[in-house]
Every structure is written in structure tokens, then in C-alpha cells.
């Protein structure tokens, strides 16, 4: 099972990097086109598409390593049992919220599937699809962290940095 998750993490990291590079290329193409007087009308739409996917994949990669923003004043003031209970409550609340994002994101994606992404020829549904996919990925990462380290480790940073994904 560890081999599966290692491959899963590497694929996601590679996809996140590829999408981020595509976003930079789209923005660069749009900027160069404007400077030389030949603007590319679809480059900003591609940049928008790649930006949302970069954000969602990046958010999941951040959750995976525990490097997300957290306010630790309350958990630090609680005894171990209280900290576990608070983490369980937060995890439940977050998973419910991610379920809501997934549900509404699917509605949004299916509702926008026939809408064109300006002159790019792609569907705007590809932009909105990032929301439910990101919600699923983040939910999986949170559950993996919980099962691996318990409720007290779900929201704590890993001892290693982002290179742990590699």
C-alpha cells in the first residue's frame, strides 16, 4: 500500500508542477503577444484554467505535509485528550465542508460544461471541475494524515518538509 501512495503522491506533484509551468507559459504568451502588438485572445483563459488547478493541487500538497496555516493557541492550551477532541471536531467540520464543496462543485461543473472558455475552444466546466476534484484530494490527504498519526497529528506539521512527498 505504501508503494501505491508513493506513486499517487509523485503523480500529483508532477501534475501540479506541470500545471503551474503551463500557467506561467500562458501568462508569458499573453504578455509577449501584447508587447509585440499581436495579443493572443485565449492565453488569459488558459492562464485562468491553469491557475485554479495549480491552487487546488497546491492546497492539497500543503495539507499533505501539514504546512498549512494554523492557529495553535487553543490546541496548545488544552490537555492531550482535549486536543484530540478538538482535532476530531475540526476534521469532521472540514470533511463536511469539503463534501459541500464537492457537491456544489459538481453542480457548477455540469452547469458550465457547455459554456465555452472564451476563444480557447475548451469548456468552462474544466475550470470549475477543479473545485470538486480539489475537495476530494484534500479530503483524502486529511484522512491519510489522521489514519497515519491519529487526531493529534492531523493538523500538525511533519518533521520533514515538502520533499517528503518525493
N, C-alpha and C. Protein backbone atom coordinates (compact mmCIF):
# COMPACT_ATOMS: atom_id res chain seq x y z
N UNK A 1 0.82 -1.20 0.00
CA UNK A 1 0.00 0.00 0.00
C UNK A 1 0.87 1.27 0.00
N UNK A 2 2.01 1.19 0.68
CA UNK A 2 2.90 2.35 0.73
C UNK A 2 3.41 2.71 -0.67
N UNK A 3 3.63 1.70 -1.51
CA UNK A 3 4.08 1.96 -2.87
C UNK A 3 3.01 2.69 -3.66
N UNK A 4 1.74 2.32 -3.46
CA UNK A 4 0.64 3.00 -4.14
C UNK A 4 0.61 4.47 -3.77
N UNK A 5 0.71 4.77 -2.47
CA UNK A 5 0.64 6.17 -2.03
C UNK A 5 1.85 6.96 -2.49
N UNK A 6 2.99 6.31 -2.54
CA UNK A 6 4.20 7.00 -3.04
C UNK A 6 4.01 7.39 -4.51
N UNK A 7 3.48 6.47 -5.30
CA UNK A 7 3.21 6.75 -6.71
C UNK A 7 2.13 7.82 -6.85
N UNK A 8 1.08 7.72 -6.07
CA UNK A 8 -0.02 8.69 -6.06
C UNK A 8 0.52 10.09 -5.77
N UNK A 9 1.37 10.20 -4.74
CA UNK A 9 1.95 11.50 -4.36
C UNK A 9 2.84 12.06 -5.46
N UNK A 10 3.63 11.21 -6.07
CA UNK A 10 4.52 11.67 -7.14
C UNK A 10 3.75 12.13 -8.37
N UNK A 11 2.70 11.40 -8.71
CA UNK A 11 1.88 11.80 -9.85
C UNK A 11 1.23 13.14 -9.58
N UNK A 12 0.70 13.31 -8.37
CA UNK A 12 0.05 14.58 -8.04
C UNK A 12 1.06 15.74 -8.05
N UNK A 13 2.23 15.51 -7.50
CA UNK A 13 3.25 16.56 -7.51
C UNK A 13 3.67 16.90 -8.94
N UNK A 14 3.87 15.88 -9.76
CA UNK A 14 4.24 16.12 -11.16
C UNK A 14 3.15 16.88 -11.91
N UNK A 15 1.90 16.52 -11.66
CA UNK A 15 0.78 17.21 -12.29
C UNK A 15 0.71 18.67 -11.83
N UNK A 16 0.90 18.89 -10.53
CA UNK A 16 0.88 20.26 -10.00
C UNK A 16 1.98 21.11 -10.63
N UNK A 17 3.16 20.55 -10.75
CA UNK A 17 4.27 21.29 -11.37
C UNK A 17 4.02 21.55 -12.85
N UNK A 18 3.47 20.57 -13.55
CA UNK A 18 3.18 20.74 -14.98
C UNK A 18 2.11 21.82 -15.18
N UNK A 19 1.09 21.81 -14.36
CA UNK A 19 0.02 22.81 -14.49
C UNK A 19 0.55 24.20 -14.16
N UNK A 20 1.41 24.28 -13.15
CA UNK A 20 1.99 25.58 -12.80
C UNK A 20 2.89 26.11 -13.93
N UNK A 21 3.67 25.22 -14.54
CA UNK A 21 4.50 25.65 -15.66
C UNK A 21 3.64 26.09 -16.85
N UNK A 22 2.53 25.38 -17.07
CA UNK A 22 1.62 25.76 -18.15
C UNK A 22 0.99 27.12 -17.88
N UNK A 23 0.68 27.39 -16.61
CA UNK A 23 0.13 28.70 -16.26
C UNK A 23 1.14 29.81 -16.55
N UNK A 24 2.37 29.59 -16.15
CA UNK A 24 3.42 30.58 -16.40
C UNK A 24 3.61 30.79 -17.91
N UNK A 25 3.58 29.71 -18.67
CA UNK A 25 3.73 29.81 -20.12
C UNK A 25 2.56 30.58 -20.74
N UNK A 26 1.35 30.35 -20.23
CA UNK A 26 0.18 31.06 -20.77
C UNK A 26 0.26 32.56 -20.47
N UNK A 27 0.67 32.90 -19.25
CA UNK A 27 0.80 34.31 -18.89
C UNK A 27 1.91 34.96 -19.71
N UNK A 28 3.01 34.26 -19.87
CA UNK A 28 4.13 34.78 -20.66
C UNK A 28 3.72 34.98 -22.13
N UNK A 29 2.98 34.02 -22.66
CA UNK A 29 2.50 34.13 -24.04
C UNK A 29 1.58 35.35 -24.21
N UNK A 30 0.68 35.53 -23.24
CA UNK A 30 -0.23 36.69 -23.30
C UNK A 30 0.55 38.00 -23.22
N UNK A 31 1.52 38.05 -22.33
CA UNK A 31 2.30 39.28 -22.16
C UNK A 31 3.14 39.60 -23.39
N UNK A 32 3.81 38.60 -23.91
CA UNK A 32 4.64 38.82 -25.10
C UNK A 32 3.77 39.22 -26.29
N UNK A 33 2.62 38.56 -26.42
CA UNK A 33 1.70 38.91 -27.51
C UNK A 33 1.25 40.35 -27.44
N UNK A 34 0.95 40.83 -26.25
CA UNK A 34 0.52 42.23 -26.10
C UNK A 34 1.67 43.18 -26.42
N UNK A 35 2.87 42.84 -25.98
CA UNK A 35 4.02 43.72 -26.21
C UNK A 35 4.34 43.86 -27.69
N UNK A 36 4.26 42.77 -28.42
CA UNK A 36 4.61 42.83 -29.85
C UNK A 36 3.42 43.24 -30.72
N UNK A 37 2.29 43.53 -30.09
CA UNK A 37 1.13 44.03 -30.84
C UNK A 37 0.28 42.94 -31.47
N UNK A 38 0.44 41.71 -31.03
CA UNK A 38 -0.35 40.60 -31.55
C UNK A 38 -0.89 39.77 -30.38
N UNK A 39 -1.87 40.34 -29.66
CA UNK A 39 -2.36 39.65 -28.47
C UNK A 39 -3.04 38.31 -28.80
N UNK A 40 -2.81 37.36 -27.93
CA UNK A 40 -3.42 36.04 -28.06
C UNK A 40 -4.66 36.04 -27.16
N UNK A 41 -5.84 35.97 -27.77
CA UNK A 41 -7.09 36.11 -27.02
C UNK A 41 -7.35 34.96 -26.07
N UNK A 42 -6.84 33.78 -26.36
CA UNK A 42 -7.14 32.64 -25.49
C UNK A 42 -6.11 32.41 -24.39
N UNK A 43 -4.95 33.05 -24.46
CA UNK A 43 -3.92 32.84 -23.44
C UNK A 43 -4.39 33.19 -22.03
N UNK A 44 -5.10 34.32 -21.81
CA UNK A 44 -5.58 34.59 -20.45
C UNK A 44 -6.58 33.54 -19.93
N UNK A 45 -7.37 32.97 -20.83
CA UNK A 45 -8.32 31.94 -20.41
C UNK A 45 -7.58 30.66 -20.00
N UNK A 46 -6.54 30.32 -20.76
CA UNK A 46 -5.72 29.17 -20.38
C UNK A 46 -5.03 29.43 -19.04
N UNK A 47 -4.56 30.66 -18.83
CA UNK A 47 -3.93 31.02 -17.56
C UNK A 47 -4.92 30.85 -16.41
N UNK A 48 -6.17 31.27 -16.63
CA UNK A 48 -7.20 31.11 -15.60
C UNK A 48 -7.43 29.63 -15.29
N UNK A 49 -7.52 28.82 -16.32
CA UNK A 49 -7.71 27.38 -16.15
C UNK A 49 -6.57 26.77 -15.35
N UNK A 50 -5.34 27.09 -15.75
CA UNK A 50 -4.18 26.52 -15.07
C UNK A 50 -4.01 27.07 -13.66
N UNK A 51 -4.42 28.32 -13.42
CA UNK A 51 -4.29 28.91 -12.09
C UNK A 51 -5.17 28.19 -11.08
N UNK A 52 -6.42 27.94 -11.40
CA UNK A 52 -7.31 27.29 -10.43
C UNK A 52 -6.83 25.87 -10.13
N UNK A 53 -6.36 25.17 -11.16
CA UNK A 53 -5.84 23.81 -10.92
C UNK A 53 -4.55 23.85 -10.09
N UNK A 54 -3.71 24.84 -10.33
CA UNK A 54 -2.49 24.99 -9.53
C UNK A 54 -2.85 25.25 -8.07
N UNK A 55 -3.84 26.11 -7.85
CA UNK A 55 -4.26 26.42 -6.47
C UNK A 55 -4.80 25.19 -5.76
N UNK A 56 -5.65 24.42 -6.42
CA UNK A 56 -6.25 23.26 -5.77
C UNK A 56 -5.22 22.16 -5.52
N UNK A 57 -4.37 21.89 -6.50
CA UNK A 57 -3.35 20.87 -6.30
C UNK A 57 -2.32 21.33 -5.26
N UNK A 58 -1.98 22.61 -5.29
CA UNK A 58 -1.05 23.15 -4.29
C UNK A 58 -1.61 23.11 -2.89
N UNK A 59 -2.91 23.38 -2.75
CA UNK A 59 -3.55 23.29 -1.43
C UNK A 59 -3.47 21.87 -0.90
N UNK A 60 -3.70 20.89 -1.77
CA UNK A 60 -3.62 19.50 -1.31
C UNK A 60 -2.19 19.13 -0.94
N UNK A 61 -1.22 19.55 -1.73
CA UNK A 61 0.17 19.25 -1.39
C UNK A 61 0.56 19.88 -0.05
N UNK A 62 0.03 21.04 0.23
CA UNK A 62 0.31 21.71 1.50
C UNK A 62 -0.33 20.96 2.67
N UNK A 63 -1.56 20.51 2.49
CA UNK A 63 -2.24 19.73 3.53
C UNK A 63 -1.48 18.42 3.78
N UNK A 64 -0.98 17.82 2.68
CA UNK A 64 -0.28 16.54 2.79
C UNK A 64 0.91 16.59 3.74
N UNK A 65 1.62 17.71 3.73
CA UNK A 65 2.81 17.83 4.57
C UNK A 65 2.54 18.59 5.87
N UNK A 66 1.31 19.05 6.07
CA UNK A 66 0.98 19.77 7.30
C UNK A 66 1.53 21.18 7.32
N UNK A 67 1.82 21.75 6.18
CA UNK A 67 2.40 23.09 6.12
C UNK A 67 1.37 24.19 5.95
N UNK A 68 0.10 23.88 6.14
CA UNK A 68 -0.95 24.87 6.01
C UNK A 68 -0.93 25.82 7.21
N UNK A 69 -1.61 26.94 7.07
CA UNK A 69 -1.68 27.92 8.15
C UNK A 69 -2.53 27.36 9.27
N UNK A 70 -2.09 27.57 10.50
CA UNK A 70 -2.87 27.12 11.65
C UNK A 70 -2.66 28.08 12.80
N UNK A 71 -3.69 28.19 13.61
CA UNK A 71 -3.60 28.96 14.84
C UNK A 71 -3.58 27.94 15.96
N UNK A 72 -2.50 27.91 16.71
CA UNK A 72 -2.32 26.82 17.67
C UNK A 72 -2.51 27.24 19.12
N UNK A 73 -2.98 28.46 19.38
CA UNK A 73 -3.13 28.92 20.76
C UNK A 73 -4.07 28.03 21.56
N UNK A 74 -5.25 27.73 21.01
CA UNK A 74 -6.21 26.91 21.74
C UNK A 74 -5.74 25.46 21.88
N UNK A 75 -5.32 24.79 20.80
CA UNK A 75 -4.85 23.42 20.98
C UNK A 75 -3.67 23.30 21.95
N UNK A 76 -2.77 24.27 21.92
CA UNK A 76 -1.61 24.23 22.81
C UNK A 76 -2.00 24.39 24.27
N UNK A 77 -3.12 25.05 24.53
CA UNK A 77 -3.56 25.27 25.90
C UNK A 77 -4.34 24.08 26.45
N UNK A 78 -4.72 23.15 25.60
CA UNK A 78 -5.55 22.02 26.02
C UNK A 78 -4.69 20.82 26.42
N UNK A 79 -5.22 19.98 27.30
CA UNK A 79 -4.53 18.71 27.57
C UNK A 79 -4.65 17.80 26.35
N UNK A 80 -3.92 16.70 26.36
CA UNK A 80 -3.87 15.81 25.22
C UNK A 80 -5.25 15.34 24.77
N UNK A 81 -6.10 14.95 25.70
CA UNK A 81 -7.45 14.48 25.35
C UNK A 81 -8.28 15.60 24.72
N UNK A 82 -8.15 16.80 25.24
CA UNK A 82 -8.87 17.95 24.68
C UNK A 82 -8.39 18.29 23.29
N UNK A 83 -7.09 18.18 23.09
CA UNK A 83 -6.50 18.44 21.77
C UNK A 83 -7.01 17.42 20.75
N UNK A 84 -7.09 16.16 21.18
CA UNK A 84 -7.61 15.12 20.29
C UNK A 84 -9.07 15.38 19.93
N UNK A 85 -9.86 15.76 20.93
CA UNK A 85 -11.28 16.04 20.69
C UNK A 85 -11.45 17.24 19.76
N UNK A 86 -10.66 18.29 19.97
CA UNK A 86 -10.73 19.47 19.10
C UNK A 86 -10.32 19.12 17.68
N UNK A 87 -9.28 18.32 17.53
CA UNK A 87 -8.84 17.91 16.19
C UNK A 87 -9.91 17.07 15.50
N UNK A 88 -10.56 16.18 16.25
CA UNK A 88 -11.63 15.36 15.68
C UNK A 88 -12.79 16.24 15.23
N UNK A 89 -13.15 17.23 16.05
CA UNK A 89 -14.23 18.15 15.68
C UNK A 89 -13.86 18.94 14.43
N UNK A 90 -12.65 19.46 14.39
CA UNK A 90 -12.20 20.24 13.22
C UNK A 90 -12.17 19.38 11.97
N UNK A 91 -11.67 18.16 12.10
CA UNK A 91 -11.63 17.25 10.96
C UNK A 91 -13.04 16.97 10.45
N UNK A 92 -13.96 16.70 11.35
CA UNK A 92 -15.33 16.44 10.95
C UNK A 92 -15.92 17.66 10.23
N UNK A 93 -15.72 18.84 10.80
CA UNK A 93 -16.23 20.08 10.21
C UNK A 93 -15.63 20.30 8.81
N UNK A 94 -14.33 20.09 8.68
CA UNK A 94 -13.65 20.28 7.40
C UNK A 94 -14.15 19.27 6.37
N UNK A 95 -14.31 18.01 6.78
CA UNK A 95 -14.79 17.00 5.83
C UNK A 95 -16.21 17.28 5.37
N UNK A 96 -17.06 17.77 6.27
CA UNK A 96 -18.41 18.16 5.87
C UNK A 96 -18.35 19.32 4.88
N UNK A 97 -17.51 20.30 5.16
CA UNK A 97 -17.35 21.43 4.25
C UNK A 97 -16.81 20.98 2.89
N UNK A 98 -15.83 20.08 2.89
CA UNK A 98 -15.29 19.57 1.63
C UNK A 98 -16.36 18.80 0.86
N UNK A 99 -17.22 18.06 1.59
CA UNK A 99 -18.33 17.38 0.93
C UNK A 99 -19.28 18.37 0.28
N UNK A 100 -19.55 19.48 0.95
CA UNK A 100 -20.39 20.53 0.38
C UNK A 100 -19.73 21.12 -0.86
N UNK A 101 -18.43 21.40 -0.78
CA UNK A 101 -17.71 21.93 -1.95
C UNK A 101 -17.75 20.95 -3.12
N UNK A 102 -17.61 19.66 -2.80
CA UNK A 102 -17.68 18.65 -3.84
C UNK A 102 -19.05 18.66 -4.51
N UNK A 103 -20.09 18.63 -3.70
CA UNK A 103 -21.46 18.58 -4.21
C UNK A 103 -21.77 19.82 -5.06
N UNK A 104 -21.49 21.01 -4.52
CA UNK A 104 -21.77 22.23 -5.27
C UNK A 104 -20.82 22.38 -6.47
N UNK A 105 -19.60 21.90 -6.33
CA UNK A 105 -18.65 21.95 -7.44
C UNK A 105 -19.08 21.09 -8.61
N UNK A 106 -19.65 19.92 -8.31
CA UNK A 106 -20.18 19.06 -9.37
C UNK A 106 -21.34 19.76 -10.07
N UNK A 107 -22.24 20.37 -9.28
CA UNK A 107 -23.35 21.13 -9.88
C UNK A 107 -22.83 22.25 -10.76
N UNK A 108 -21.83 22.98 -10.26
CA UNK A 108 -21.25 24.08 -11.01
C UNK A 108 -20.60 23.59 -12.30
N UNK A 109 -19.86 22.50 -12.21
CA UNK A 109 -19.17 21.96 -13.38
C UNK A 109 -20.14 21.48 -14.44
N UNK A 110 -21.14 20.72 -14.02
CA UNK A 110 -22.10 20.22 -15.01
C UNK A 110 -22.91 21.36 -15.61
N UNK A 111 -23.20 22.38 -14.81
CA UNK A 111 -23.94 23.53 -15.31
C UNK A 111 -23.14 24.38 -16.28
N UNK A 112 -21.82 24.32 -16.19
CA UNK A 112 -20.96 25.14 -17.05
C UNK A 112 -20.28 24.34 -18.16
N UNK A 113 -20.62 23.07 -18.29
CA UNK A 113 -19.89 22.24 -19.24
C UNK A 113 -20.06 22.70 -20.68
N UNK A 114 -21.23 23.21 -21.03
CA UNK A 114 -21.46 23.65 -22.41
C UNK A 114 -21.01 25.09 -22.64
N UNK A 115 -20.67 25.78 -21.59
CA UNK A 115 -20.20 27.17 -21.71
C UNK A 115 -18.76 27.16 -22.20
N UNK A 116 -18.47 27.88 -23.27
CA UNK A 116 -17.10 27.88 -23.79
C UNK A 116 -16.18 28.77 -22.94
N UNK A 117 -14.94 28.38 -22.88
CA UNK A 117 -13.92 29.16 -22.19
C UNK A 117 -13.37 30.17 -23.20
N UNK A 118 -14.16 31.21 -23.44
CA UNK A 118 -13.85 32.28 -24.40
C UNK A 118 -13.44 31.68 -25.75
N UNK A 119 -12.32 32.10 -26.27
CA UNK A 119 -11.91 31.68 -27.62
C UNK A 119 -11.02 30.44 -27.61
N UNK A 120 -10.82 29.84 -26.44
CA UNK A 120 -9.89 28.71 -26.34
C UNK A 120 -10.43 27.43 -26.97
N UNK A 121 -11.75 27.33 -27.09
CA UNK A 121 -12.35 26.11 -27.61
C UNK A 121 -12.59 25.05 -26.55
N UNK A 122 -12.18 25.32 -25.33
CA UNK A 122 -12.39 24.39 -24.22
C UNK A 122 -13.67 24.73 -23.47
N UNK A 123 -14.08 23.82 -22.62
CA UNK A 123 -15.27 24.03 -21.81
C UNK A 123 -14.90 24.75 -20.51
N UNK A 124 -15.76 25.69 -20.09
CA UNK A 124 -15.55 26.35 -18.81
C UNK A 124 -15.72 25.36 -17.65
N UNK A 125 -16.37 24.24 -17.94
CA UNK A 125 -16.51 23.19 -16.94
C UNK A 125 -15.16 22.66 -16.47
N UNK A 126 -14.13 22.74 -17.31
CA UNK A 126 -12.79 22.32 -16.88
C UNK A 126 -12.24 23.22 -15.79
N UNK A 127 -12.60 24.48 -15.81
CA UNK A 127 -12.17 25.41 -14.76
C UNK A 127 -12.88 25.05 -13.46
N UNK A 128 -14.20 24.90 -13.53
CA UNK A 128 -14.98 24.67 -12.32
C UNK A 128 -14.81 23.25 -11.78
N UNK A 129 -14.33 22.32 -12.60
CA UNK A 129 -14.10 20.96 -12.16
C UNK A 129 -12.98 20.88 -11.12
N UNK A 130 -12.12 21.88 -11.08
CA UNK A 130 -11.03 21.89 -10.11
C UNK A 130 -11.56 21.91 -8.67
N UNK A 131 -12.72 22.51 -8.46
CA UNK A 131 -13.27 22.59 -7.10
C UNK A 131 -13.64 21.22 -6.54
N UNK A 132 -14.46 20.41 -7.21
CA UNK A 132 -14.76 19.10 -6.62
C UNK A 132 -13.55 18.15 -6.59
N UNK A 133 -12.70 18.23 -7.59
CA UNK A 133 -11.51 17.37 -7.59
C UNK A 133 -10.60 17.76 -6.42
N UNK A 134 -10.39 19.06 -6.24
CA UNK A 134 -9.57 19.52 -5.12
C UNK A 134 -10.16 19.13 -3.78
N UNK A 135 -11.47 19.21 -3.64
CA UNK A 135 -12.12 18.83 -2.38
C UNK A 135 -11.88 17.36 -2.07
N UNK A 136 -11.98 16.51 -3.08
CA UNK A 136 -11.73 15.08 -2.88
C UNK A 136 -10.28 14.84 -2.49
N UNK A 137 -9.35 15.47 -3.21
CA UNK A 137 -7.92 15.27 -2.92
C UNK A 137 -7.57 15.73 -1.50
N UNK A 138 -8.09 16.87 -1.09
CA UNK A 138 -7.81 17.38 0.25
C UNK A 138 -8.42 16.45 1.30
N UNK A 139 -9.63 15.98 1.05
CA UNK A 139 -10.26 15.04 1.98
C UNK A 139 -9.44 13.77 2.14
N UNK A 140 -8.95 13.23 1.02
CA UNK A 140 -8.11 12.03 1.07
C UNK A 140 -6.85 12.30 1.88
N UNK A 141 -6.22 13.44 1.64
CA UNK A 141 -4.98 13.77 2.37
C UNK A 141 -5.22 13.92 3.86
N UNK A 142 -6.31 14.57 4.24
CA UNK A 142 -6.62 14.71 5.67
C UNK A 142 -6.88 13.36 6.32
N UNK A 143 -7.62 12.51 5.65
CA UNK A 143 -7.88 11.17 6.21
C UNK A 143 -6.60 10.34 6.29
N UNK A 144 -5.74 10.45 5.28
CA UNK A 144 -4.45 9.75 5.34
C UNK A 144 -3.63 10.20 6.54
N UNK A 145 -3.58 11.52 6.76
CA UNK A 145 -2.82 12.06 7.90
C UNK A 145 -3.40 11.57 9.22
N UNK A 146 -4.73 11.52 9.29
CA UNK A 146 -5.38 11.08 10.53
C UNK A 146 -5.10 9.61 10.79
N UNK A 147 -5.25 8.77 9.77
CA UNK A 147 -5.01 7.34 9.97
C UNK A 147 -3.55 7.04 10.25
N UNK A 148 -2.65 7.83 9.70
CA UNK A 148 -1.22 7.60 9.90
C UNK A 148 -0.73 8.05 11.28
N UNK A 149 -1.30 9.15 11.79
CA UNK A 149 -0.76 9.69 13.04
C UNK A 149 -1.76 9.94 14.15
N UNK A 150 -3.02 9.68 13.91
CA UNK A 150 -4.03 9.95 14.92
C UNK A 150 -4.51 11.39 14.84
N UNK A 151 -5.53 11.69 15.63
CA UNK A 151 -6.12 13.03 15.60
C UNK A 151 -5.13 14.12 16.00
N UNK A 152 -4.23 13.84 16.91
CA UNK A 152 -3.28 14.86 17.34
C UNK A 152 -2.29 15.24 16.24
N UNK A 153 -2.08 14.37 15.28
CA UNK A 153 -1.10 14.64 14.21
C UNK A 153 -1.75 15.13 12.91
N UNK A 154 -3.08 15.15 12.85
CA UNK A 154 -3.76 15.52 11.61
C UNK A 154 -3.39 16.91 11.14
N UNK A 155 -3.35 17.86 12.06
CA UNK A 155 -3.13 19.26 11.68
C UNK A 155 -1.76 19.77 12.08
N UNK A 156 -0.90 18.89 12.54
CA UNK A 156 0.46 19.28 12.92
C UNK A 156 1.40 19.17 11.73
N UNK A 157 2.40 20.04 11.66
CA UNK A 157 3.35 19.93 10.55
C UNK A 157 4.20 18.66 10.69
N UNK A 158 4.60 18.12 9.55
CA UNK A 158 5.50 16.97 9.56
C UNK A 158 6.88 17.45 10.01
N UNK A 159 7.67 16.51 10.53
CA UNK A 159 9.04 16.86 10.92
C UNK A 159 9.90 17.12 9.71
N UNK A 160 9.50 16.59 8.57
CA UNK A 160 10.23 16.81 7.32
C UNK A 160 9.47 17.81 6.48
N UNK A 161 10.12 18.38 5.52
CA UNK A 161 9.49 19.41 4.68
C UNK A 161 8.76 18.81 3.49
N UNK A 162 8.44 19.65 2.53
CA UNK A 162 7.70 19.22 1.34
C UNK A 162 8.43 18.13 0.55
N UNK A 163 9.73 18.00 0.74
CA UNK A 163 10.46 16.97 0.00
C UNK A 163 10.05 15.57 0.43
N UNK A 164 9.28 15.46 1.52
CA UNK A 164 8.78 14.15 1.96
C UNK A 164 7.87 13.52 0.93
N UNK A 165 7.25 14.34 0.08
CA UNK A 165 6.36 13.81 -0.95
C UNK A 165 7.17 13.05 -1.99
N UNK A 166 8.39 13.48 -2.22
CA UNK A 166 9.21 12.81 -3.22
C UNK A 166 9.66 11.49 -2.69
